[in-house]
Amino acid sequence: MIHEIDEALRLLLVEAGLEDSGVDLVFDAPTTEWSARRNAPTISVFLHGIREDAARRRTGTAEEHDDHGVVTGWRTPPRWFELTYLVTAWTNRPQDEHRLLSEVLRALVRSDVLPARLYTGSLAELGLTVEMEAAGPGVGGPSSSDVWSALGGELKAGIDLRVVAPLAGERTTAGPPVTEGLVMKAAPHLDGDDGGPGRRLRYDGAADPGTQGFAAPRDRQLPPGRRRRGSAAR
């Protein structure tokens, strides 16, 4: 899921025209060593925090069906995680950095959600809304000064970006539907004989079980003296 969010953010900034203007879009940590090797105008989108939104956690499972309505498996609910990025601009002049940051900020605040057209992989499969907040007040997590201190660099202007995205739940695959009758075998003999291969029970008059096999509901004749549940006695 994390790499899919990275790709969506990259595509969002590409749509803003940053790459067309010769700006590199990277996800590297803006350390002192990295900045010394940089030789082109660059936007760094650095992921430095991953935290679960526990208030959204749910339990249980949901059924998954194929085109014919047959259950193919069960999936647990997705879990939501908050990804925190530090977005910075790197050029040879502060004025150019501020101009780039302005363009990035304009692209990030156009919407409170990532556009669905940018979703790939599990994000596209789930079809859930991915929330996004740029330069907001933030709740918890390290401050920008703490991040820069950990990176070993000097404090500079940057955009704090928060993305809340779902991580797909675990899937359990269902076994194939029953298409054959029950096999009945005798109890093992004392001499060790297992009683043979057994006999397969089939429904009377069911030469072709159809697409649902013997699991399909059938109108079977009841033995004499028996009546269906709910019918009036005669």
Protein backbone atom coordinates (compact mmCIF):
# COMPACT_ATOMS: atom_id res chain seq x y z
CA MET A 1 0.00 0.00 0.00
CA ILE A 2 2.84 2.44 0.85
CA HIS A 3 4.45 2.19 -2.59
CA GLU A 4 1.01 2.71 -4.17
CA ILE A 5 0.58 5.96 -2.23
CA ASP A 6 4.08 7.02 -3.34
CA GLU A 7 3.12 6.42 -6.95
CA ALA A 8 -0.16 8.32 -6.58
CA LEU A 9 1.65 11.34 -5.12
CA ARG A 10 4.23 11.21 -7.88
CA LEU A 11 1.51 11.15 -10.55
CA LEU A 12 -0.27 14.03 -8.83
CA LEU A 13 2.86 16.19 -9.00
CA VAL A 14 3.53 15.10 -12.59
CA GLU A 15 0.03 16.30 -13.53
CA ALA A 16 0.96 19.67 -12.00
CA GLY A 17 3.69 19.95 -14.67
CA LEU A 18 6.72 19.81 -12.38
CA GLU A 19 8.60 17.16 -14.36
CA ASP A 20 7.93 19.00 -17.62
CA SER A 21 9.77 22.02 -16.16
CA GLY A 22 12.88 19.91 -15.52
CA VAL A 23 12.33 19.23 -11.80
CA ASP A 24 13.30 15.83 -10.37
CA LEU A 25 10.71 14.11 -8.15
CA VAL A 26 12.33 11.80 -5.60
CA PHE A 27 11.42 10.05 -2.36
CA ASP A 28 14.90 10.18 -0.85
CA ALA A 29 15.68 11.33 2.67
CA PRO A 30 17.06 14.90 2.41
CA THR A 31 20.24 14.27 4.38
CA THR A 32 23.36 16.44 4.22
CA GLU A 33 25.16 13.88 2.04
CA TRP A 34 22.19 13.62 -0.34
CA SER A 35 21.88 17.39 -0.77
CA ALA A 36 25.59 17.65 -1.57
CA ARG A 37 25.17 15.19 -4.49
CA ARG A 38 22.12 16.93 -5.94
CA ASN A 39 22.77 18.66 -9.26
CA ALA A 40 19.27 19.60 -10.53
CA PRO A 41 16.14 21.29 -9.15
CA THR A 42 14.51 18.63 -6.99
CA ILE A 43 11.33 17.98 -5.02
CA SER A 44 11.85 15.49 -2.18
CA VAL A 45 8.79 13.67 -0.82
CA PHE A 46 10.25 11.99 2.27
CA LEU A 47 8.15 9.49 4.23
CA HIS A 48 9.13 9.63 7.91
CA GLY A 49 6.10 8.39 9.84
CA ILE A 50 3.67 5.44 9.70
CA ARG A 51 0.97 5.14 12.35
CA GLU A 52 -2.30 3.19 12.47
CA ASP A 53 -5.59 5.03 12.89
CA ALA A 54 -6.89 2.65 15.57
CA ALA A 55 -10.30 4.38 15.71
CA ARG A 56 -11.10 2.91 12.28
CA ARG A 57 -10.18 -0.67 13.12
CA ARG A 58 -13.01 -3.17 12.59
CA THR A 59 -13.45 -6.90 13.21
CA GLY A 60 -15.24 -9.70 11.38
CA THR A 61 -15.05 -10.93 7.80
CA ALA A 62 -16.84 -10.22 4.55
CA GLU A 63 -17.71 -12.75 1.84
CA GLU A 64 -16.29 -12.47 -1.67
CA HIS A 65 -18.26 -13.87 -4.61
CA ASP A 66 -17.54 -14.71 -8.23
CA ASP A 67 -19.70 -13.71 -11.20
CA HIS A 68 -22.11 -16.56 -10.46
CA GLY A 69 -22.62 -15.59 -6.81
CA VAL A 70 -20.55 -18.48 -5.45
CA VAL A 71 -18.50 -17.67 -2.33
CA THR A 72 -14.80 -17.71 -3.26
CA GLY A 73 -13.35 -16.54 0.05
CA TRP A 74 -13.52 -14.28 3.07
CA ARG A 75 -11.57 -11.09 3.76
CA THR A 76 -11.02 -9.22 7.00
CA PRO A 77 -11.75 -5.46 7.02
CA PRO A 78 -8.98 -3.12 5.87
CA ARG A 79 -6.87 -1.32 8.45
CA TRP A 80 -6.15 2.38 8.06
CA PHE A 81 -2.72 3.95 8.42
CA GLU A 82 -1.55 7.54 8.53
CA LEU A 83 1.54 8.21 6.38
CA THR A 84 3.42 11.42 7.14
CA TYR A 85 5.66 13.02 4.51
CA LEU A 86 8.02 15.99 4.54
CA VAL A 87 7.97 17.71 1.13
CA THR A 88 10.92 20.00 0.40
CA ALA A 89 12.31 21.86 -2.64
CA TRP A 90 16.01 21.97 -3.50
CA THR A 91 17.61 24.51 -5.87
CA ASN A 92 20.59 26.87 -5.77
CA ARG A 93 18.51 29.87 -4.66
CA PRO A 94 15.93 30.20 -1.86
CA GLN A 95 13.61 32.18 -4.16
CA ASP A 96 13.46 29.28 -6.63
CA GLU A 97 12.82 26.82 -3.79
CA HIS A 98 9.91 28.92 -2.57
CA ARG A 99 8.46 29.08 -6.09
CA LEU A 100 8.63 25.29 -6.38
CA LEU A 101 7.07 24.84 -2.94
CA SER A 102 4.24 27.15 -3.99
CA GLU A 103 3.51 25.02 -7.06
CA VAL A 104 3.62 21.82 -4.99
CA LEU A 105 1.34 23.31 -2.33
CA ARG A 106 -1.17 24.38 -4.99
CA ALA A 107 -1.27 20.81 -6.35
CA LEU A 108 -1.68 19.24 -2.90
CA VAL A 109 -4.46 21.48 -1.58
CA ARG A 110 -6.74 21.21 -4.63
CA SER A 111 -8.58 18.36 -2.92
CA ASP A 112 -8.86 16.73 0.50
CA VAL A 113 -8.58 13.29 -1.12
CA LEU A 114 -6.25 11.68 -3.61
CA PRO A 115 -8.01 11.46 -7.00
CA ALA A 116 -9.28 7.92 -7.63
CA ARG A 117 -7.76 7.94 -11.14
CA LEU A 118 -4.31 7.76 -9.52
CA TYR A 119 -5.01 4.59 -7.52
CA THR A 120 -3.14 1.42 -8.47
CA GLY A 121 -2.89 -2.11 -7.11
CA SER A 122 -4.76 -2.78 -3.87
CA LEU A 123 -5.92 0.85 -3.62
CA ALA A 124 -7.77 0.52 -6.92
CA GLU A 125 -9.15 -2.89 -5.91
CA LEU A 126 -10.54 -1.64 -2.60
CA GLY A 127 -12.00 1.51 -4.13
CA LEU A 128 -11.91 3.36 -0.79
CA THR A 129 -11.26 7.09 -0.38
CA VAL A 130 -7.70 8.09 0.52
CA GLU A 131 -7.70 11.26 2.60
CA MET A 132 -4.95 13.85 2.28
CA GLU A 133 -4.01 16.94 4.27
CA ALA A 134 -1.21 19.33 3.29
CA ALA A 135 0.28 21.89 5.68
CA GLY A 136 -2.42 21.17 8.26
CA PRO A 137 -2.17 21.53 12.03
CA GLY A 138 -1.38 17.83 12.45
CA VAL A 139 -2.04 15.63 15.45
CA GLY A 140 0.86 14.02 17.28
CA GLY A 141 4.02 12.80 15.60
CA PRO A 142 7.44 14.46 15.46
CA SER A 143 7.77 18.15 14.63
CA SER A 144 9.65 19.39 11.56
CA SER A 145 12.59 20.46 13.71
CA ASP A 146 12.81 16.93 15.16
CA VAL A 147 12.84 15.43 11.68
CA TRP A 148 15.58 17.77 10.50
CA SER A 149 17.60 17.06 13.62
CA ALA A 150 17.36 13.31 12.95
CA LEU A 151 18.42 13.86 9.32
CA GLY A 152 21.48 15.78 10.44
CA GLY A 153 20.66 18.88 8.39
CA GLU A 154 19.66 22.48 8.94
CA LEU A 155 16.01 23.46 9.27
CA LYS A 156 14.45 24.71 6.02
CA ALA A 157 11.00 25.37 4.62
CA GLY A 158 8.90 22.28 3.92
CA ILE A 159 5.31 21.05 3.61
CA ASP A 160 4.00 18.53 6.11
CA LEU A 161 1.79 16.09 4.20
CA ARG A 162 -0.51 13.56 5.90
CA VAL A 163 -2.18 10.72 3.95
CA VAL A 164 -4.63 8.25 5.52
CA ALA A 165 -4.85 5.08 3.42
CA PRO A 166 -6.30 1.56 3.78
CA LEU A 167 -4.24 -1.62 3.94
CA ALA A 168 -6.21 -4.55 2.48
CA GLY A 169 -7.23 -7.24 4.97
CA GLU A 170 -6.15 -10.86 4.91
CA ARG A 171 -8.00 -13.17 2.52
CA THR A 172 -9.01 -16.77 3.22
CA THR A 173 -9.81 -18.84 0.13
CA ALA A 174 -12.96 -20.95 0.13
CA GLY A 175 -12.88 -24.56 -0.99
CA PRO A 176 -14.66 -25.55 -4.23
CA PRO A 177 -18.41 -26.25 -4.04
CA VAL A 178 -19.55 -29.83 -3.50
CA THR A 179 -20.28 -31.47 -6.88
CA GLU A 180 -20.35 -35.16 -5.91
CA GLY A 181 -22.49 -37.25 -3.59
CA LEU A 182 -21.42 -38.48 -0.18
CA VAL A 183 -19.12 -41.55 -0.08
CA MET A 184 -20.16 -44.18 2.47
CA LYS A 185 -17.66 -46.76 3.67
CA ALA A 186 -18.04 -49.62 6.15
CA ALA A 187 -16.18 -49.59 9.47
CA PRO A 188 -12.73 -51.27 9.38
CA HIS A 189 -12.70 -55.02 9.94
CA LEU A 190 -10.83 -56.62 12.79
CA ASP A 191 -8.39 -58.23 10.35
CA GLY A 192 -7.28 -54.83 9.08
CA ASP A 193 -9.39 -54.73 5.91
CA ASP A 194 -10.68 -51.17 5.36
CA GLY A 195 -13.92 -52.40 3.86
CA GLY A 196 -13.19 -51.51 0.22
CA PRO A 197 -13.48 -48.26 -1.71
CA GLY A 198 -17.00 -47.56 -0.46
CA ARG A 199 -20.16 -46.58 -2.30
CA ARG A 200 -21.00 -43.11 -3.55
CA LEU A 201 -24.51 -41.99 -2.61
CA ARG A 202 -26.43 -40.15 -5.28
CA TYR A 203 -29.82 -38.53 -5.40
CA ASP A 204 -32.54 -40.51 -7.15
CA GLY A 205 -32.99 -39.41 -10.73
CA ALA A 206 -30.06 -36.95 -10.66
CA ALA A 207 -28.04 -38.12 -13.65
CA ASP A 208 -26.66 -34.62 -14.24
CA PRO A 209 -26.12 -32.55 -11.07
CA GLY A 210 -25.83 -29.33 -13.10
CA THR A 211 -23.48 -26.40 -12.55
CA GLN A 212 -24.05 -26.36 -8.79
CA GLY A 213 -23.50 -30.09 -8.41
CA PHE A 214 -25.18 -31.98 -5.62
CA ALA A 215 -25.06 -28.88 -3.43
CA ALA A 216 -28.03 -27.44 -5.37
CA PRO A 217 -31.45 -27.57 -3.63
CA ARG A 218 -33.70 -30.40 -4.87
CA ASP A 219 -37.35 -31.32 -4.40
CA ARG A 220 -37.07 -34.85 -3.01
CA GLN A 221 -39.94 -37.23 -2.32
CA LEU A 222 -40.56 -37.86 1.37
CA PRO A 223 -41.04 -41.39 2.77
CA PRO A 224 -44.66 -42.53 3.43
CA GLY A 225 -46.07 -41.08 6.66
CA ARG A 226 -43.73 -38.04 6.60
CA ARG A 227 -44.91 -34.54 5.81
CA ARG A 228 -43.09 -31.35 5.08
CA ARG A 229 -42.50 -28.93 7.92
CA GLY A 230 -45.21 -26.29 8.03
CA SER A 231 -47.80 -28.26 6.01
CA ALA A 232 -51.20 -29.16 7.42
CA ALA A 233 -51.82 -32.72 8.68
CA ARG A 234 -54.34 -34.82 6.80
